[in-house]
Amino acid sequence: MFQACRYKNGLCPYAATSTYDPDTSTYEGLPYTFCGKATGADNRVSQLDKCWDDMSKGERTKHSKTTTERVMTKQGYTLNKYTKTWRKVL
């Protein structure tokens, strides 16, 4: 908490650093800065177009849907079009 964020001038109370990679579900590699306010499967600051506070509701929804779809498909899940639920492909 209270890490430097590229969208804020100084420290952000919602920014945190971790080595967790949402694409691979592992804790290996370089540290990433995550936004604690952002929703979706990938909340890395590098994946945001601008600060979450400055986004409109439509931009937030688009970000959440696209990152969730990208991460879930990389992890081997498919979306059921009718029930709108994710399931693991065996």
C-alpha atoms as a PDB file:
ATOM      1  CA  MET A   1       0.000   0.000   0.000  1.00  0.00           C
ATOM      2  CA  PHE A   2       1.030   3.603  -0.648  1.00  0.00           C
ATOM      3  CA  GLN A   3       3.280   2.839  -3.594  1.00  0.00           C
ATOM      4  CA  ALA A   4       4.270   5.162  -6.426  1.00  0.00           C
ATOM      5  CA  CYS A   5       1.792   5.065  -9.305  1.00  0.00           C
ATOM      6  CA  ARG A   6       2.509   6.393 -12.784  1.00  0.00           C
ATOM      7  CA  TYR A   7      -0.893   8.115 -12.904  1.00  0.00           C
ATOM      8  CA  LYS A   8      -0.586   9.987  -9.598  1.00  0.00           C
ATOM      9  CA  ASN A   9       1.850  12.689  -8.587  1.00  0.00           C
ATOM     10  CA  GLY A  10       3.457  10.848  -5.704  1.00  0.00           C
ATOM     11  CA  LEU A  11       2.140   7.961  -3.680  1.00  0.00           C
ATOM     12  CA  CYS A  12      -1.254   6.346  -4.228  1.00  0.00           C
ATOM     13  CA  PRO A  13      -3.102   4.724  -1.290  1.00  0.00           C
ATOM     14  CA  TYR A  14      -4.490   2.029  -3.612  1.00  0.00           C
ATOM     15  CA  ALA A  15      -1.221   1.001  -5.301  1.00  0.00           C
ATOM     16  CA  ALA A  16       0.660  -2.091  -4.133  1.00  0.00           C
ATOM     17  CA  THR A  17       3.597  -4.081  -5.480  1.00  0.00           C
ATOM     18  CA  SER A  18       3.732  -7.857  -5.941  1.00  0.00           C
ATOM     19  CA  THR A  19       5.522 -10.420  -8.094  1.00  0.00           C
ATOM     20  CA  TYR A  20       2.205 -12.158  -8.879  1.00  0.00           C
ATOM     21  CA  ASP A  21       1.537 -12.563 -12.604  1.00  0.00           C
ATOM     22  CA  PRO A  22      -2.205 -12.912 -13.371  1.00  0.00           C
ATOM     23  CA  ASP A  23      -1.485 -14.369 -16.816  1.00  0.00           C
ATOM     24  CA  THR A  24       0.331 -17.408 -15.407  1.00  0.00           C
ATOM     25  CA  SER A  25      -0.986 -17.432 -11.810  1.00  0.00           C
ATOM     26  CA  THR A  26       2.558 -17.567 -10.443  1.00  0.00           C
ATOM     27  CA  TYR A  27       4.640 -15.452  -8.077  1.00  0.00           C
ATOM     28  CA  GLU A  28       7.804 -15.530 -10.181  1.00  0.00           C
ATOM     29  CA  GLY A  29       9.435 -12.769 -12.143  1.00  0.00           C
ATOM     30  CA  LEU A  30       9.538  -9.011 -11.896  1.00  0.00           C
ATOM     31  CA  PRO A  31       7.486  -7.022  -9.388  1.00  0.00           C
ATOM     32  CA  TYR A  32       4.344  -5.378 -10.759  1.00  0.00           C
ATOM     33  CA  THR A  33       2.374  -2.427  -9.397  1.00  0.00           C
ATOM     34  CA  PHE A  34      -1.312  -3.271  -8.905  1.00  0.00           C
ATOM     35  CA  CYS A  35      -4.280  -0.921  -8.493  1.00  0.00           C
ATOM     36  CA  GLY A  36      -6.472  -1.815  -5.530  1.00  0.00           C
ATOM     37  CA  LYS A  37      -9.483   0.069  -6.906  1.00  0.00           C
ATOM     38  CA  ALA A  38      -9.556  -1.571 -10.346  1.00  0.00           C
ATOM     39  CA  THR A  39     -11.753  -4.600 -11.002  1.00  0.00           C
ATOM     40  CA  GLY A  40     -11.240  -7.477 -13.398  1.00  0.00           C
ATOM     41  CA  ALA A  41      -8.798 -10.336 -13.580  1.00  0.00           C
ATOM     42  CA  ASP A  42      -5.726  -8.178 -14.229  1.00  0.00           C
ATOM     43  CA  ASN A  43      -5.355  -5.062 -12.069  1.00  0.00           C
ATOM     44  CA  ARG A  44      -1.795  -4.195 -12.989  1.00  0.00           C
ATOM     45  CA  VAL A  45      -1.258  -0.466 -13.464  1.00  0.00           C
ATOM     46  CA  SER A  46       0.540  -1.225 -16.741  1.00  0.00           C
ATOM     47  CA  GLN A  47      -2.748  -2.649 -18.111  1.00  0.00           C
ATOM     48  CA  LEU A  48      -4.729   0.529 -17.328  1.00  0.00           C
ATOM     49  CA  ASP A  49      -5.106   3.256 -19.971  1.00  0.00           C
ATOM     50  CA  LYS A  50      -5.422   5.910 -17.266  1.00  0.00           C
ATOM     51  CA  CYS A  51      -6.124   6.210 -13.556  1.00  0.00           C
ATOM     52  CA  TRP A  52      -9.166   4.208 -12.413  1.00  0.00           C
ATOM     53  CA  ASP A  53     -10.570   7.330 -10.709  1.00  0.00           C
ATOM     54  CA  ASP A  54     -10.435   9.233 -14.019  1.00  0.00           C
ATOM     55  CA  MET A  55     -12.191   6.523 -16.066  1.00  0.00           C
ATOM     56  CA  SER A  56     -15.866   6.709 -16.947  1.00  0.00           C
ATOM     57  CA  LYS A  57     -18.189   3.846 -16.014  1.00  0.00           C
ATOM     58  CA  GLY A  58     -18.080   2.579 -19.599  1.00  0.00           C
ATOM     59  CA  GLU A  59     -14.275   2.584 -19.665  1.00  0.00           C
ATOM     60  CA  ARG A  60     -14.154   0.683 -16.378  1.00  0.00           C
ATOM     61  CA  THR A  61     -16.598  -1.942 -17.646  1.00  0.00           C
ATOM     62  CA  LYS A  62     -14.662  -2.370 -20.891  1.00  0.00           C
ATOM     63  CA  HIS A  63     -11.369  -2.793 -18.993  1.00  0.00           C
ATOM     64  CA  SER A  64     -12.861  -5.358 -16.603  1.00  0.00           C
ATOM     65  CA  LYS A  65     -14.401  -7.448 -19.385  1.00  0.00           C
ATOM     66  CA  THR A  66     -11.377  -7.423 -21.685  1.00  0.00           C
ATOM     67  CA  THR A  67      -8.809  -8.228 -18.989  1.00  0.00           C
ATOM     68  CA  THR A  68     -10.968 -10.996 -17.500  1.00  0.00           C
ATOM     69  CA  GLU A  69     -11.483 -12.561 -20.929  1.00  0.00           C
ATOM     70  CA  ARG A  70      -7.765 -12.362 -21.773  1.00  0.00           C
ATOM     71  CA  VAL A  71      -6.567 -13.855 -18.490  1.00  0.00           C
ATOM     72  CA  MET A  72      -9.198 -16.595 -18.287  1.00  0.00           C
ATOM     73  CA  THR A  73      -8.555 -17.816 -21.841  1.00  0.00           C
ATOM     74  CA  LYS A  74      -4.791 -17.868 -21.183  1.00  0.00           C
ATOM     75  CA  GLN A  75      -5.443 -20.055 -18.138  1.00  0.00           C
ATOM     76  CA  GLY A  76      -7.483 -22.539 -20.186  1.00  0.00           C
ATOM     77  CA  TYR A  77     -11.066 -21.489 -19.400  1.00  0.00           C
ATOM     78  CA  THR A  78     -13.954 -21.013 -21.824  1.00  0.00           C
ATOM     79  CA  LEU A  79     -16.990 -18.797 -21.426  1.00  0.00           C
ATOM     80  CA  ASN A  80     -20.408 -20.397 -21.669  1.00  0.00           C
ATOM     81  CA  LYS A  81     -22.416 -17.973 -23.810  1.00  0.00           C
ATOM     82  CA  TYR A  82     -25.737 -18.916 -22.256  1.00  0.00           C
ATOM     83  CA  THR A  83     -24.942 -18.993 -18.538  1.00  0.00           C
ATOM     84  CA  LYS A  84     -22.117 -16.401 -18.691  1.00  0.00           C
ATOM     85  CA  THR A  85     -19.886 -18.587 -16.525  1.00  0.00           C
ATOM     86  CA  TRP A  86     -16.285 -19.694 -17.012  1.00  0.00           C
ATOM     87  CA  ARG A  87     -15.340 -23.378 -16.997  1.00  0.00           C
ATOM     88  CA  LYS A  88     -12.004 -25.154 -17.241  1.00  0.00           C
ATOM     89  CA  VAL A  89     -11.316 -26.964 -20.524  1.00  0.00           C
ATOM     90  CA  LEU A  90      -9.998 -30.436 -19.825  1.00  0.00           C
END
